[in-house]
Amino acid sequence: MACFTINGRDPEGPVLILAHGAGAPADSPFMTELAGVLGERGITTVRFEFPYMTKRRSDGKKRPPDRQPVLLKAFEEVIERTAAEPSLANRPLLIGGKSMGGRMASLLAAESSAKSRFRGVLCFGYPFHPPGKPDRWRTGHFSEFQCPVLIVQGTRDPFGKRPEVEAELADSRAPELAWLEGGDHDFKPLARQPEGQLDLLQRAATLAASFILEVTR
């Protein structure tokens, strides 16, 4: 499996398996920066690549993501590998990811076994619906979450902006939501904002670290 990357300084702290999004690999600037900032906050991250991205890395050809069963199977294999790593075993385990990767983690969080397997789930830029298609919500499994879930979302993310997301989830058992003002799907703010993308990434990591501390204490 390509790009099984461990990043972190605390040899005893919590471990977060962090899956990439549909269009960028595990070592994209977003994923690398996020893992680095989380590491500074005592969170060890494990990054990996889904099969289609591994193939793209080997031959350079762009291809669509694998189908959901393949993605979930690959995620499960990484969970097993992480549990078998001597430096990672027996530590509090969380799963999560960017966009599509976060969605796959959320699906695993809705399985009946999740309560005993994961301390929590973190989604960075959740793809609530395809851009421009707010009638195709990907939230049907939210009511089945078996462990705490935090979604960190930019307020102007085309995959789910704040007003429509809050309206959609108002009458449901919603996960915890944290909003990054002005952020898009990659947490890039508006040009007129004083903050840059790194500032919002650091804010996302701080929110994630607080959530992880709460669910692992």
Protein backbone atom coordinates (compact mmCIF):
# COMPACT_ATOMS: atom_id res chain seq x y z
CA MET A 1 0.00 0.00 0.00
CA ALA A 2 1.50 3.33 -1.04
CA CYS A 3 2.03 6.27 1.26
CA PHE A 4 1.44 4.65 4.65
CA THR A 5 2.84 7.64 6.51
CA ILE A 6 3.06 8.06 10.28
CA ASN A 7 3.45 11.59 11.62
CA GLY A 8 3.60 12.61 15.27
CA ARG A 9 5.81 13.28 18.26
CA ASP A 10 3.89 11.77 21.18
CA PRO A 11 4.66 8.03 21.48
CA GLU A 12 1.67 7.43 23.75
CA GLY A 13 -0.98 9.86 22.52
CA PRO A 14 -4.04 9.25 20.35
CA VAL A 15 -3.79 8.06 16.76
CA LEU A 16 -5.89 9.46 13.90
CA ILE A 17 -6.08 7.57 10.60
CA LEU A 18 -6.48 10.33 8.05
CA ALA A 19 -7.85 9.49 4.58
CA HIS A 20 -7.43 11.74 1.54
CA GLY A 21 -10.12 13.29 -0.64
CA ALA A 22 -11.22 12.27 -4.12
CA GLY A 23 -8.86 14.41 -6.16
CA ALA A 24 -5.63 14.76 -4.21
CA PRO A 25 -3.22 12.18 -2.71
CA ALA A 26 -2.22 11.54 0.88
CA ASP A 27 0.81 13.80 0.55
CA SER A 28 -1.05 16.78 -0.92
CA PRO A 29 -0.19 20.16 0.64
CA PHE A 30 -3.51 20.16 2.53
CA MET A 31 -3.00 16.68 4.00
CA THR A 32 0.67 17.26 4.78
CA GLU A 33 0.04 20.57 6.49
CA LEU A 34 -2.91 19.22 8.47
CA ALA A 35 -0.93 16.20 9.65
CA GLY A 36 1.95 18.43 10.65
CA VAL A 37 -0.18 20.82 12.67
CA LEU A 38 -2.01 17.93 14.36
CA GLY A 39 1.36 16.39 15.21
CA GLU A 40 2.39 19.60 16.94
CA ARG A 41 -0.72 19.21 19.09
CA GLY A 42 0.16 15.68 20.20
CA ILE A 43 -1.94 13.77 17.66
CA THR A 44 -0.22 11.02 15.69
CA THR A 45 -1.64 10.73 12.18
CA VAL A 46 -1.54 7.81 9.78
CA ARG A 47 -2.01 8.68 6.11
CA PHE A 48 -2.62 6.18 3.31
CA GLU A 49 -3.96 6.02 -0.24
CA PHE A 50 -6.96 4.28 -1.69
CA PRO A 51 -6.29 1.80 -4.55
CA TYR A 52 -7.21 4.17 -7.38
CA MET A 53 -4.80 6.81 -6.07
CA THR A 54 -2.04 4.23 -5.72
CA LYS A 55 -2.52 3.33 -9.38
CA ARG A 56 -2.48 6.99 -10.35
CA ARG A 57 0.79 7.44 -8.49
CA SER A 58 2.35 4.52 -10.36
CA ASP A 59 1.29 5.40 -13.92
CA GLY A 60 0.37 9.08 -13.71
CA LYS A 61 -3.11 8.55 -15.17
CA LYS A 62 -6.03 10.28 -13.52
CA ARG A 63 -8.96 8.01 -12.72
CA PRO A 64 -12.17 8.32 -10.70
CA PRO A 65 -12.34 7.06 -7.11
CA ASP A 66 -12.99 3.39 -6.48
CA ARG A 67 -16.54 2.35 -5.66
CA GLN A 68 -17.61 2.63 -2.05
CA PRO A 69 -17.11 -1.06 -1.09
CA VAL A 70 -13.51 -0.91 -2.35
CA LEU A 71 -12.83 2.32 -0.47
CA LEU A 72 -14.25 0.91 2.77
CA LYS A 73 -12.29 -2.32 2.39
CA ALA A 74 -9.07 -0.36 1.91
CA PHE A 75 -9.86 1.75 4.98
CA GLU A 76 -10.44 -1.42 7.02
CA GLU A 77 -7.08 -2.81 5.89
CA VAL A 78 -5.35 0.32 7.11
CA ILE A 79 -7.15 0.09 10.45
CA GLU A 80 -5.89 -3.48 10.80
CA ARG A 81 -2.37 -2.50 9.80
CA THR A 82 -2.39 0.38 12.26
CA ALA A 83 -3.48 -1.93 15.08
CA ALA A 84 -0.60 -4.26 14.20
CA GLU A 85 2.06 -1.52 14.28
CA PRO A 86 3.96 -1.86 17.59
CA SER A 87 4.33 1.92 17.91
CA LEU A 88 0.59 2.49 17.39
CA ALA A 89 -1.09 -0.50 19.02
CA ASN A 90 -3.10 -0.05 22.23
CA ARG A 91 -3.40 3.70 21.80
CA PRO A 92 -6.71 5.60 21.51
CA LEU A 93 -7.79 5.28 17.86
CA LEU A 94 -9.80 7.73 15.80
CA ILE A 95 -10.52 7.78 12.07
CA GLY A 96 -11.29 10.58 9.69
CA GLY A 97 -10.32 12.32 6.52
CA LYS A 98 -10.64 15.10 4.00
CA SER A 99 -13.88 15.27 2.00
CA MET A 100 -14.46 11.78 0.51
CA GLY A 101 -12.05 10.25 3.03
CA GLY A 102 -14.05 11.77 5.86
CA ARG A 103 -17.26 10.47 4.37
CA MET A 104 -15.85 6.92 4.30
CA ALA A 105 -14.82 7.31 7.93
CA SER A 106 -18.33 8.50 8.80
CA LEU A 107 -19.82 5.41 7.16
CA LEU A 108 -17.60 3.22 9.33
CA ALA A 109 -18.77 5.24 12.34
CA ALA A 110 -22.35 4.20 11.55
CA GLU A 111 -21.56 0.48 11.80
CA SER A 112 -22.64 -1.29 14.97
CA SER A 113 -19.06 -2.21 15.89
CA ALA A 114 -17.80 1.39 15.78
CA LYS A 115 -18.54 2.12 19.43
CA SER A 116 -15.98 -0.42 20.59
CA ARG A 117 -13.44 0.31 17.85
CA PHE A 118 -13.12 4.09 17.57
CA ARG A 119 -13.03 6.90 20.09
CA GLY A 120 -14.31 9.30 17.49
CA VAL A 121 -14.39 10.45 13.88
CA LEU A 122 -13.13 13.70 12.33
CA CYS A 123 -14.26 15.00 8.93
CA PHE A 124 -12.53 17.97 7.34
CA GLY A 125 -14.68 19.49 4.59
CA TYR A 126 -17.49 16.93 4.55
CA PRO A 127 -19.13 16.48 1.09
CA PHE A 128 -22.71 16.96 2.27
CA HIS A 129 -23.88 17.03 -1.36
CA PRO A 130 -22.30 17.44 -4.82
CA PRO A 131 -21.71 21.12 -5.67
CA GLY A 132 -24.81 22.64 -7.20
CA LYS A 133 -26.96 19.64 -6.25
CA PRO A 134 -28.38 20.38 -2.77
CA ASP A 135 -31.11 17.78 -3.30
CA ARG A 136 -28.58 14.93 -3.06
CA TRP A 137 -27.69 14.90 0.63
CA ARG A 138 -25.18 12.37 1.96
CA THR A 139 -26.44 12.40 5.52
CA GLY A 140 -28.77 9.39 5.65
CA HIS A 141 -26.44 7.48 7.98
CA PHE A 142 -25.90 10.31 10.47
CA SER A 143 -28.61 9.02 12.80
CA GLU A 144 -26.71 5.74 13.14
CA PHE A 145 -23.38 7.08 14.42
CA GLN A 146 -22.01 4.87 17.19
CA CYS A 147 -19.26 7.22 18.36
CA PRO A 148 -18.69 10.99 18.57
CA VAL A 149 -18.24 12.75 15.21
CA LEU A 150 -16.84 16.22 14.53
CA ILE A 151 -17.17 17.89 11.13
CA VAL A 152 -14.97 20.94 10.50
CA GLN A 153 -16.42 22.87 7.56
CA GLY A 154 -15.73 26.13 5.74
CA THR A 155 -18.76 28.42 5.74
CA ARG A 156 -18.64 28.81 1.94
CA ASP A 157 -17.84 25.20 1.04
CA PRO A 158 -19.81 24.38 -2.15
CA PHE A 159 -20.25 20.83 -0.84
CA GLY A 160 -22.30 22.22 2.05
CA LYS A 161 -22.56 25.85 3.12
CA ARG A 162 -23.52 26.77 6.65
CA PRO A 163 -27.15 27.92 6.18
CA GLU A 164 -28.20 24.90 4.12
CA VAL A 165 -26.36 22.39 6.32
CA GLU A 166 -27.84 23.76 9.53
CA ALA A 167 -31.30 23.74 7.96
CA GLU A 168 -30.89 20.16 6.72
CA LEU A 169 -29.68 18.86 10.08
CA ALA A 170 -31.98 20.93 12.30
CA ASP A 171 -34.41 18.09 12.97
CA SER A 172 -31.93 15.21 13.00
CA ARG A 173 -29.36 13.67 15.30
CA ALA A 174 -26.52 15.77 13.96
CA PRO A 175 -22.79 15.37 14.57
CA GLU A 176 -20.83 18.17 16.16
CA LEU A 177 -20.19 20.95 13.62
CA ALA A 178 -17.39 23.52 13.74
CA TRP A 179 -17.34 26.32 11.17
CA LEU A 180 -14.35 28.11 9.67
CA GLU A 181 -15.53 31.56 8.65
CA GLY A 182 -14.95 32.25 4.96
CA GLY A 183 -13.28 28.92 4.27
CA ASP A 184 -13.93 26.97 1.08
CA HIS A 185 -13.63 23.20 0.59
CA ASP A 186 -9.85 23.41 1.12
CA PHE A 187 -10.19 25.96 3.92
CA LYS A 188 -8.98 28.81 1.73
CA PRO A 189 -10.49 32.08 3.00
CA LEU A 190 -11.67 35.07 1.04
CA ALA A 191 -8.91 37.34 -0.23
CA ARG A 192 -10.15 40.20 1.91
CA GLN A 193 -9.90 38.18 5.13
CA PRO A 194 -6.93 38.80 7.42
CA GLU A 195 -6.42 35.05 7.84
CA GLY A 196 -4.73 32.80 5.29
CA GLN A 197 -5.32 29.12 4.53
CA LEU A 198 -2.66 28.11 7.05
CA ASP A 199 -4.48 30.08 9.74
CA LEU A 200 -7.70 28.18 9.03
CA LEU A 201 -5.85 24.86 8.93
CA GLN A 202 -4.35 25.64 12.31
CA ARG A 203 -7.80 26.54 13.59
CA ALA A 204 -9.14 23.23 12.24
CA ALA A 205 -6.33 21.34 13.96
CA THR A 206 -6.99 23.13 17.25
CA LEU A 207 -10.67 22.21 17.06
CA ALA A 208 -9.74 18.63 16.23
CA ALA A 209 -7.25 18.39 19.09
CA SER A 210 -9.84 19.70 21.58
CA PHE A 211 -12.38 17.17 20.33
CA ILE A 212 -9.85 14.34 20.55
CA LEU A 213 -8.85 15.34 24.09
CA GLU A 214 -12.51 15.31 25.10
CA VAL A 215 -13.33 11.88 23.64
CA THR A 216 -10.13 10.14 24.82
CA ARG A 217 -9.87 11.38 28.39
